[in-house]
Amino acid sequence: MDAPSLRVTPKNYLMAWLLVMLEGGNLHGYEIAKHLRDRFAFTVDAGAVYRALRRLEREGLIASWWSPHAEGPTRRLYALTPDGHEALARWSAVLADYRHSLDAFFELYEAAPKRR
């Protein structure tokens, strides 16, 4: 399977967030959406999270299964696949390069004389 190309834009950062969150262990969709909202202050609607999870699953980067839950309904759990771990490593490298570029931009911006 060919690896999906990585384009670093705010629109698709959600994929990187989902991969890194699943690196920490299996999660269900509600936990993921709550984690994005609470811990990372990442505003996204639940529908977008589930659409992104389905896309990652179609691409073979995550796997899911139904798991019974003692309190409440059965939940779908998500986990990284080996390809997902590789994609996360690529995201990390791309975002590290992007961070370096942003740092250089802000250094130049802060050093530039202000014209007002």
Protein backbone atom coordinates (compact mmCIF):
# COMPACT_ATOMS: atom_id res chain seq x y z
CA MET A 1 0.00 0.00 0.00
CA ASP A 2 1.34 3.42 -0.93
CA ALA A 3 1.73 5.83 1.94
CA PRO A 4 -0.66 8.79 1.78
CA SER A 5 1.02 12.09 1.01
CA LEU A 6 1.29 14.56 3.84
CA ARG A 7 0.21 18.12 3.26
CA VAL A 8 0.65 20.38 6.23
CA THR A 9 -2.36 22.66 6.34
CA PRO A 10 -4.64 23.56 9.23
CA LYS A 11 -7.41 21.66 7.45
CA ASN A 12 -5.72 18.29 7.86
CA TYR A 13 -3.97 18.70 11.21
CA LEU A 14 -6.87 16.71 12.61
CA MET A 15 -5.36 13.56 11.08
CA ALA A 16 -2.07 14.15 12.92
CA TRP A 17 -3.91 14.84 16.18
CA LEU A 18 -5.90 11.62 15.86
CA LEU A 19 -2.80 9.56 15.14
CA VAL A 20 -0.84 10.99 18.06
CA MET A 21 -3.75 10.51 20.43
CA LEU A 22 -4.10 6.86 19.39
CA GLU A 23 -0.37 6.37 19.91
CA GLY A 24 -1.20 6.49 23.62
CA GLY A 25 -3.65 3.59 23.40
CA ASN A 26 -7.04 2.54 22.15
CA LEU A 27 -9.78 5.16 22.38
CA HIS A 28 -13.41 5.46 21.33
CA GLY A 29 -14.71 8.37 19.29
CA TYR A 30 -16.32 10.28 22.16
CA GLU A 31 -13.07 10.10 24.17
CA ILE A 32 -11.15 11.41 21.17
CA ALA A 33 -13.50 14.36 20.61
CA LYS A 34 -13.49 15.19 24.33
CA HIS A 35 -9.69 14.92 24.47
CA LEU A 36 -9.33 17.29 21.53
CA ARG A 37 -11.71 19.77 23.12
CA ASP A 38 -10.40 19.60 26.69
CA ARG A 39 -6.71 18.89 26.59
CA PHE A 40 -5.65 20.45 23.33
CA ALA A 41 -8.25 23.23 23.07
CA PHE A 42 -8.84 21.97 19.54
CA THR A 43 -12.30 22.95 18.38
CA VAL A 44 -13.82 20.42 16.02
CA ASP A 45 -17.28 18.95 15.75
CA ALA A 46 -17.83 15.28 16.53
CA GLY A 47 -18.95 14.61 12.96
CA ALA A 48 -15.58 15.76 11.63
CA VAL A 49 -13.80 13.49 14.11
CA TYR A 50 -15.81 10.44 13.01
CA ARG A 51 -15.35 11.27 9.31
CA ALA A 52 -11.59 11.59 9.86
CA LEU A 53 -11.50 8.30 11.78
CA ARG A 54 -13.30 6.52 8.92
CA ARG A 55 -10.84 8.03 6.43
CA LEU A 56 -7.86 6.90 8.50
CA GLU A 57 -9.38 3.43 8.69
CA ARG A 58 -9.95 3.31 4.91
CA GLU A 59 -6.29 4.29 4.45
CA GLY A 60 -5.21 1.45 6.75
CA LEU A 61 -3.70 3.76 9.37
CA ILE A 62 -6.09 2.74 12.15
CA ALA A 63 -8.27 -0.26 12.92
CA SER A 64 -11.55 -0.36 14.81
CA TRP A 65 -13.82 -2.90 16.47
CA TRP A 66 -16.90 -2.93 18.64
CA SER A 67 -16.21 -3.40 22.33
CA PRO A 68 -18.84 -4.04 25.00
CA HIS A 69 -18.88 -1.48 27.78
CA ALA A 70 -19.97 -2.23 31.35
CA GLU A 71 -21.74 1.11 31.64
CA GLY A 72 -23.77 1.93 28.57
CA PRO A 73 -23.82 0.83 24.96
CA THR A 74 -21.16 -1.03 23.01
CA ARG A 75 -18.50 1.36 21.74
CA ARG A 76 -16.24 1.34 18.70
CA LEU A 77 -12.59 1.42 19.74
CA TYR A 78 -9.83 2.73 17.49
CA ALA A 79 -6.15 1.77 17.45
CA LEU A 80 -3.10 2.54 15.32
CA THR A 81 -1.94 -0.05 12.81
CA PRO A 82 1.74 -0.52 11.90
CA ASP A 83 1.13 1.79 8.90
CA GLY A 84 -0.43 4.29 11.32
CA HIS A 85 2.72 4.30 13.44
CA GLU A 86 4.76 4.99 10.29
CA ALA A 87 2.39 7.78 9.24
CA LEU A 88 2.67 9.34 12.70
CA ALA A 89 6.48 9.32 12.42
CA ARG A 90 6.20 11.06 9.03
CA TRP A 91 3.76 13.62 10.46
CA SER A 92 6.17 14.28 13.31
CA ALA A 93 9.05 14.92 10.90
CA VAL A 94 6.95 17.16 8.64
CA LEU A 95 5.60 19.16 11.56
CA ALA A 96 9.09 19.52 13.09
CA ASP A 97 10.26 21.04 9.79
CA TYR A 98 7.19 23.26 9.72
CA ARG A 99 7.85 24.38 13.30
CA HIS A 100 11.42 25.25 12.34
CA SER A 101 10.11 27.37 9.43
CA LEU A 102 7.61 29.09 11.71
CA ASP A 103 10.32 29.82 14.29
CA ALA A 104 12.46 31.39 11.55
CA PHE A 105 9.47 33.45 10.37
CA PHE A 106 8.76 34.80 13.85
CA GLU A 107 12.43 35.56 14.51
CA LEU A 108 12.50 37.64 11.32
CA TYR A 109 9.14 39.24 12.10
CA GLU A 110 10.17 40.22 15.63
CA ALA A 111 13.53 41.59 14.44
CA ALA A 112 12.03 43.66 11.60
CA PRO A 113 11.58 47.39 12.19
CA LYS A 114 7.94 48.21 12.78
CA ARG A 115 6.44 50.65 10.30
CA ARG A 116 3.38 52.30 11.67
